[in-house]
Amino acid sequence: MFVPEKTNDHLLEDTELIEHIPVSVVKYLEVDIVIAVDVTLIKVNGEITSIYGVIMQHELVINR
């Protein structure tokens, strides 16, 4: 959670407590482009040591 910050004419705020990704707010603003980034960690059991592990990690990220 971060304190809201005003930058030029924009108010930037963290809405994690309300919605993980504040889709309702974005729809209300009727913006043209939305950029959302999920920065949560995907936990892997152990170290990735094979191409199979790389492929499985890739699938975890893609199917998230």
PDB file of N, CA and C in Angstrom:
ATOM      1  N   MET A   1       0.841  -1.169   0.000  1.00  0.00           N
ATOM      2  CA  MET A   1       0.000   0.000   0.000  1.00  0.00           C
ATOM      3  C   MET A   1       0.890   1.237   0.000  1.00  0.00           C
ATOM      4  N   PHE A   2       0.534   2.182  -0.868  1.00  0.00           N
ATOM      5  CA  PHE A   2       1.314   3.396  -0.999  1.00  0.00           C
ATOM      6  C   PHE A   2       0.421   4.609  -0.796  1.00  0.00           C
ATOM      7  N   VAL A   3       1.013   5.692  -0.354  1.00  0.00           N
ATOM      8  CA  VAL A   3       0.296   6.956  -0.197  1.00  0.00           C
ATOM      9  C   VAL A   3       0.028   7.517  -1.586  1.00  0.00           C
ATOM     10  N   PRO A   4      -1.194   8.038  -1.862  1.00  0.00           N
ATOM     11  CA  PRO A   4      -1.474   8.635  -3.172  1.00  0.00           C
ATOM     12  C   PRO A   4      -0.492   9.767  -3.472  1.00  0.00           C
ATOM     13  N   GLU A   5      -0.103   9.873  -4.726  1.00  0.00           N
ATOM     14  CA  GLU A   5       0.859  10.895  -5.137  1.00  0.00           C
ATOM     15  C   GLU A   5       0.291  11.680  -6.300  1.00  0.00           C
ATOM     16  N   LYS A   6       0.347  13.003  -6.202  1.00  0.00           N
ATOM     17  CA  LYS A   6      -0.133  13.846  -7.290  1.00  0.00           C
ATOM     18  C   LYS A   6       1.046  14.194  -8.190  1.00  0.00           C
ATOM     19  N   THR A   7       0.907  13.910  -9.478  1.00  0.00           N
ATOM     20  CA  THR A   7       1.928  14.204 -10.470  1.00  0.00           C
ATOM     21  C   THR A   7       1.272  14.988 -11.592  1.00  0.00           C
ATOM     22  N   ASN A   8       1.660  16.247 -11.747  1.00  0.00           N
ATOM     23  CA  ASN A   8       1.026  17.147 -12.716  1.00  0.00           C
ATOM     24  C   ASN A   8      -0.475  17.166 -12.454  1.00  0.00           C
ATOM     25  N   ASP A   9      -1.272  16.727 -13.401  1.00  0.00           N
ATOM     26  CA  ASP A   9      -2.728  16.711 -13.227  1.00  0.00           C
ATOM     27  C   ASP A   9      -3.259  15.324 -12.894  1.00  0.00           C
ATOM     28  N   HIS A  10      -2.382  14.401 -12.501  1.00  0.00           N
ATOM     29  CA  HIS A  10      -2.779  13.021 -12.250  1.00  0.00           C
ATOM     30  C   HIS A  10      -2.607  12.658 -10.784  1.00  0.00           C
ATOM     31  N   LEU A  11      -3.535  11.881 -10.270  1.00  0.00           N
ATOM     32  CA  LEU A  11      -3.419  11.341  -8.921  1.00  0.00           C
ATOM     33  C   LEU A  11      -3.157   9.846  -9.051  1.00  0.00           C
ATOM     34  N   LEU A  12      -1.998   9.408  -8.577  1.00  0.00           N
ATOM     35  CA  LEU A  12      -1.618   8.003  -8.658  1.00  0.00           C
ATOM     36  C   LEU A  12      -1.849   7.372  -7.300  1.00  0.00           C
ATOM     37  N   GLU A  13      -2.582   6.249  -7.280  1.00  0.00           N
ATOM     38  CA  GLU A  13      -2.858   5.604  -6.003  1.00  0.00           C
ATOM     39  C   GLU A  13      -2.865   4.100  -6.136  1.00  0.00           C
ATOM     40  N   ASP A  14      -2.606   3.447  -5.027  1.00  0.00           N
ATOM     41  CA  ASP A  14      -2.599   1.995  -4.947  1.00  0.00           C
ATOM     42  C   ASP A  14      -3.964   1.555  -4.428  1.00  0.00           C
ATOM     43  N   THR A  15      -4.675   0.750  -5.199  1.00  0.00           N
ATOM     44  CA  THR A  15      -6.021   0.327  -4.796  1.00  0.00           C
ATOM     45  C   THR A  15      -6.066  -1.144  -4.421  1.00  0.00           C
ATOM     46  N   GLU A  16      -4.950  -1.687  -3.998  1.00  0.00           N
ATOM     47  CA  GLU A  16      -4.843  -3.121  -3.681  1.00  0.00           C
ATOM     48  C   GLU A  16      -5.893  -3.582  -2.676  1.00  0.00           C
ATOM     49  N   LEU A  17      -6.254  -2.748  -1.716  1.00  0.00           N
ATOM     50  CA  LEU A  17      -7.228  -3.166  -0.704  1.00  0.00           C
ATOM     51  C   LEU A  17      -8.634  -3.283  -1.266  1.00  0.00           C
ATOM     52  N   ILE A  18      -8.939  -2.520  -2.301  1.00  0.00           N
ATOM     53  CA  ILE A  18     -10.290  -2.523  -2.868  1.00  0.00           C
ATOM     54  C   ILE A  18     -10.415  -3.570  -3.968  1.00  0.00           C
ATOM     55  N   GLU A  19      -9.553  -3.473  -4.963  1.00  0.00           N
ATOM     56  CA  GLU A  19      -9.521  -4.412  -6.087  1.00  0.00           C
ATOM     57  C   GLU A  19      -8.059  -4.659  -6.426  1.00  0.00           C
ATOM     58  N   HIS A  20      -7.724  -5.889  -6.777  1.00  0.00           N
ATOM     59  CA  HIS A  20      -6.340  -6.162  -7.176  1.00  0.00           C
ATOM     60  C   HIS A  20      -5.984  -5.358  -8.416  1.00  0.00           C
ATOM     61  N   ILE A  21      -6.844  -5.350  -9.382  1.00  0.00           N
ATOM     62  CA  ILE A  21      -6.701  -4.494 -10.561  1.00  0.00           C
ATOM     63  C   ILE A  21      -8.000  -3.695 -10.651  1.00  0.00           C
ATOM     64  N   PRO A  22      -7.928  -2.370 -10.472  1.00  0.00           N
ATOM     65  CA  PRO A  22      -9.145  -1.544 -10.361  1.00  0.00           C
ATOM     66  C   PRO A  22      -9.861  -1.339 -11.694  1.00  0.00           C
ATOM     67  N   VAL A  23     -10.412  -2.399 -12.218  1.00  0.00           N
ATOM     68  CA  VAL A  23     -11.076  -2.364 -13.519  1.00  0.00           C
ATOM     69  C   VAL A  23     -12.275  -1.421 -13.516  1.00  0.00           C
ATOM     70  N   SER A  24     -13.051  -1.404 -12.447  1.00  0.00           N
ATOM     71  CA  SER A  24     -14.237  -0.544 -12.399  1.00  0.00           C
ATOM     72  C   SER A  24     -13.866   0.930 -12.503  1.00  0.00           C
ATOM     73  N   VAL A  25     -12.765   1.320 -11.896  1.00  0.00           N
ATOM     74  CA  VAL A  25     -12.313   2.712 -11.973  1.00  0.00           C
ATOM     75  C   VAL A  25     -11.897   3.050 -13.393  1.00  0.00           C
ATOM     76  N   VAL A  26     -11.194   2.151 -14.033  1.00  0.00           N
ATOM     77  CA  VAL A  26     -10.737   2.384 -15.401  1.00  0.00           C
ATOM     78  C   VAL A  26     -11.926   2.489 -16.348  1.00  0.00           C
ATOM     79  N   LYS A  27     -12.918   1.640 -16.187  1.00  0.00           N
ATOM     80  CA  LYS A  27     -14.117   1.708 -17.029  1.00  0.00           C
ATOM     81  C   LYS A  27     -14.842   3.031 -16.836  1.00  0.00           C
ATOM     82  N   TYR A  28     -14.897   3.506 -15.603  1.00  0.00           N
ATOM     83  CA  TYR A  28     -15.559   4.776 -15.293  1.00  0.00           C
ATOM     84  C   TYR A  28     -14.852   5.942 -15.978  1.00  0.00           C
ATOM     85  N   LEU A  29     -13.544   5.906 -16.052  1.00  0.00           N
ATOM     86  CA  LEU A  29     -12.764   6.992 -16.644  1.00  0.00           C
ATOM     87  C   LEU A  29     -12.815   7.000 -18.167  1.00  0.00           C
ATOM     88  N   GLU A  30     -13.298   5.919 -18.764  1.00  0.00           N
ATOM     89  CA  GLU A  30     -13.417   5.791 -20.218  1.00  0.00           C
ATOM     90  C   GLU A  30     -12.096   6.109 -20.927  1.00  0.00           C
ATOM     91  N   VAL A  31     -11.031   5.490 -20.461  1.00  0.00           N
ATOM     92  CA  VAL A  31      -9.716   5.708 -21.070  1.00  0.00           C
ATOM     93  C   VAL A  31      -9.567   4.874 -22.334  1.00  0.00           C
ATOM     94  N   ASP A  32      -8.622   5.249 -23.172  1.00  0.00           N
ATOM     95  CA  ASP A  32      -8.380   4.533 -24.422  1.00  0.00           C
ATOM     96  C   ASP A  32      -7.467   3.327 -24.228  1.00  0.00           C
ATOM     97  N   ILE A  33      -6.484   3.465 -23.373  1.00  0.00           N
ATOM     98  CA  ILE A  33      -5.496   2.406 -23.179  1.00  0.00           C
ATOM     99  C   ILE A  33      -5.306   2.155 -21.689  1.00  0.00           C
ATOM    100  N   VAL A  34      -5.266   0.878 -21.323  1.00  0.00           N
ATOM    101  CA  VAL A  34      -5.016   0.492 -19.938  1.00  0.00           C
ATOM    102  C   VAL A  34      -3.796  -0.417 -19.916  1.00  0.00           C
ATOM    103  N   ILE A  35      -2.856  -0.111 -19.042  1.00  0.00           N
ATOM    104  CA  ILE A  35      -1.687  -0.967 -18.860  1.00  0.00           C
ATOM    105  C   ILE A  35      -1.721  -1.472 -17.429  1.00  0.00           C
ATOM    106  N   ALA A  36      -1.785  -2.792 -17.257  1.00  0.00           N
ATOM    107  CA  ALA A  36      -1.791  -3.391 -15.925  1.00  0.00           C
ATOM    108  C   ALA A  36      -0.675  -4.424 -15.858  1.00  0.00           C
ATOM    109  N   VAL A  37       0.056  -4.404 -14.772  1.00  0.00           N
ATOM    110  CA  VAL A  37       1.176  -5.321 -14.604  1.00  0.00           C
ATOM    111  C   VAL A  37       1.012  -6.075 -13.301  1.00  0.00           C
ATOM    112  N   ASP A  38       1.040  -7.389 -13.365  1.00  0.00           N
ATOM    113  CA  ASP A  38       0.983  -8.234 -12.173  1.00  0.00           C
ATOM    114  C   ASP A  38       2.419  -8.530 -11.765  1.00  0.00           C
ATOM    115  N   VAL A  39       2.826  -7.994 -10.629  1.00  0.00           N
ATOM    116  CA  VAL A  39       4.212  -8.162 -10.197  1.00  0.00           C
ATOM    117  C   VAL A  39       4.346  -9.132  -9.033  1.00  0.00           C
ATOM    118  N   THR A  40       3.306  -9.911  -8.791  1.00  0.00           N
ATOM    119  CA  THR A  40       3.393 -10.880  -7.706  1.00  0.00           C
ATOM    120  C   THR A  40       4.317 -12.021  -8.099  1.00  0.00           C
ATOM    121  N   LEU A  41       4.934 -12.609  -7.130  1.00  0.00           N
ATOM    122  CA  LEU A  41       5.902 -13.675  -7.352  1.00  0.00           C
ATOM    123  C   LEU A  41       5.199 -15.010  -7.576  1.00  0.00           C
ATOM    124  N   ILE A  42       5.627 -15.719  -8.597  1.00  0.00           N
ATOM    125  CA  ILE A  42       5.152 -17.079  -8.818  1.00  0.00           C
ATOM    126  C   ILE A  42       6.160 -18.000  -8.155  1.00  0.00           C
ATOM    127  N   LYS A  43       5.711 -18.764  -7.186  1.00  0.00           N
ATOM    128  CA  LYS A  43       6.615 -19.619  -6.428  1.00  0.00           C
ATOM    129  C   LYS A  43       6.865 -20.931  -7.166  1.00  0.00           C
ATOM    130  N   VAL A  44       8.116 -21.300  -7.218  1.00  0.00           N
ATOM    131  CA  VAL A  44       8.525 -22.552  -7.841  1.00  0.00           C
ATOM    132  C   VAL A  44       9.073 -23.449  -6.743  1.00  0.00           C
ATOM    133  N   ASN A  45       8.670 -24.712  -6.772  1.00  0.00           N
ATOM    134  CA  ASN A  45       9.201 -25.669  -5.798  1.00  0.00           C
ATOM    135  C   ASN A  45      10.595 -26.090  -6.228  1.00  0.00           C
ATOM    136  N   GLY A  46      11.602 -25.592  -5.551  1.00  0.00           N
ATOM    137  CA  GLY A  46      12.979 -25.949  -5.876  1.00  0.00           C
ATOM    138  C   GLY A  46      13.538 -25.122  -7.013  1.00  0.00           C
ATOM    139  N   GLU A  47      14.734 -25.476  -7.429  1.00  0.00           N
ATOM    140  CA  GLU A  47      15.440 -24.767  -8.485  1.00  0.00           C
ATOM    141  C   GLU A  47      15.079 -25.360  -9.841  1.00  0.00           C
ATOM    142  N   ILE A  48      14.976 -24.510 -10.853  1.00  0.00           N
ATOM    143  CA  ILE A  48      14.697 -24.982 -12.211  1.00  0.00           C
ATOM    144  C   ILE A  48      16.010 -25.479 -12.801  1.00  0.00           C
ATOM    145  N   THR A  49      16.068 -26.776 -13.107  1.00  0.00           N
ATOM    146  CA  THR A  49      17.328 -27.376 -13.566  1.00  0.00           C
ATOM    147  C   THR A  49      17.220 -28.075 -14.918  1.00  0.00           C
ATOM    148  N   SER A  50      16.064 -27.983 -15.569  1.00  0.00           N
ATOM    149  CA  SER A  50      15.914 -28.673 -16.852  1.00  0.00           C
ATOM    150  C   SER A  50      15.024 -27.857 -17.778  1.00  0.00           C
ATOM    151  N   ILE A  51      15.032 -28.230 -19.047  1.00  0.00           N
ATOM    152  CA  ILE A  51      14.162 -27.567 -20.013  1.00  0.00           C
ATOM    153  C   ILE A  51      12.701 -27.784 -19.641  1.00  0.00           C
ATOM    154  N   TYR A  52      12.392 -28.937 -19.063  1.00  0.00           N
ATOM    155  CA  TYR A  52      11.029 -29.210 -18.605  1.00  0.00           C
ATOM    156  C   TYR A  52      10.620 -28.184 -17.547  1.00  0.00           C
ATOM    157  N   GLY A  53      11.515 -27.897 -16.612  1.00  0.00           N
ATOM    158  CA  GLY A  53      11.233 -26.901 -15.578  1.00  0.00           C
ATOM    159  C   GLY A  53      11.011 -25.519 -16.164  1.00  0.00           C
ATOM    160  N   VAL A  54      11.800 -25.168 -17.177  1.00  0.00           N
ATOM    161  CA  VAL A  54      11.642 -23.876 -17.851  1.00  0.00           C
ATOM    162  C   VAL A  54      10.275 -23.798 -18.518  1.00  0.00           C
ATOM    163  N   ILE A  55       9.889 -24.869 -19.202  1.00  0.00           N
ATOM    164  CA  ILE A  55       8.588 -24.903 -19.883  1.00  0.00           C
ATOM    165  C   ILE A  55       7.451 -24.811 -18.871  1.00  0.00           C
ATOM    166  N   MET A  56       7.558 -25.521 -17.765  1.00  0.00           N
ATOM    167  CA  MET A  56       6.508 -25.480 -16.744  1.00  0.00           C
ATOM    168  C   MET A  56       6.401 -24.081 -16.130  1.00  0.00           C
ATOM    169  N   GLN A  57       7.539 -23.429 -15.877  1.00  0.00           N
ATOM    170  CA  GLN A  57       7.520 -22.064 -15.340  1.00  0.00           C
ATOM    171  C   GLN A  57       6.865 -21.121 -16.347  1.00  0.00           C
ATOM    172  N   HIS A  58       7.185 -21.304 -17.620  1.00  0.00           N
ATOM    173  CA  HIS A  58       6.582 -20.503 -18.682  1.00  0.00           C
ATOM    174  C   HIS A  58       5.068 -20.670 -18.676  1.00  0.00           C
ATOM    175  N   GLU A  59       4.595 -21.894 -18.558  1.00  0.00           N
ATOM    176  CA  GLU A  59       3.156 -22.158 -18.527  1.00  0.00           C
ATOM    177  C   GLU A  59       2.492 -21.506 -17.317  1.00  0.00           C
ATOM    178  N   LEU A  60       3.158 -21.519 -16.169  1.00  0.00           N
ATOM    179  CA  LEU A  60       2.611 -20.856 -14.981  1.00  0.00           C
ATOM    180  C   LEU A  60       2.409 -19.366 -15.233  1.00  0.00           C
ATOM    181  N   VAL A  61       3.380 -18.741 -15.875  1.00  0.00           N
ATOM    182  CA  VAL A  61       3.289 -17.307 -16.151  1.00  0.00           C
ATOM    183  C   VAL A  61       2.201 -17.026 -17.182  1.00  0.00           C
ATOM    184  N   ILE A  62       2.177 -17.773 -18.266  1.00  0.00           N
ATOM    185  CA  ILE A  62       1.211 -17.548 -19.346  1.00  0.00           C
ATOM    186  C   ILE A  62      -0.223 -17.790 -18.879  1.00  0.00           C
ATOM    187  N   ASN A  63      -0.442 -18.831 -18.105  1.00  0.00           N
ATOM    188  CA  ASN A  63      -1.799 -19.201 -17.692  1.00  0.00           C
ATOM    189  C   ASN A  63      -2.277 -18.489 -16.441  1.00  0.00           C
ATOM    190  N   ARG A  64      -1.544 -17.571 -15.974  1.00  0.00           N
ATOM    191  CA  ARG A  64      -1.901 -16.855 -14.751  1.00  0.00           C
ATOM    192  C   ARG A  64      -3.086 -15.984 -14.961  1.00  0.00           C
TER     193      ARG A  64
END
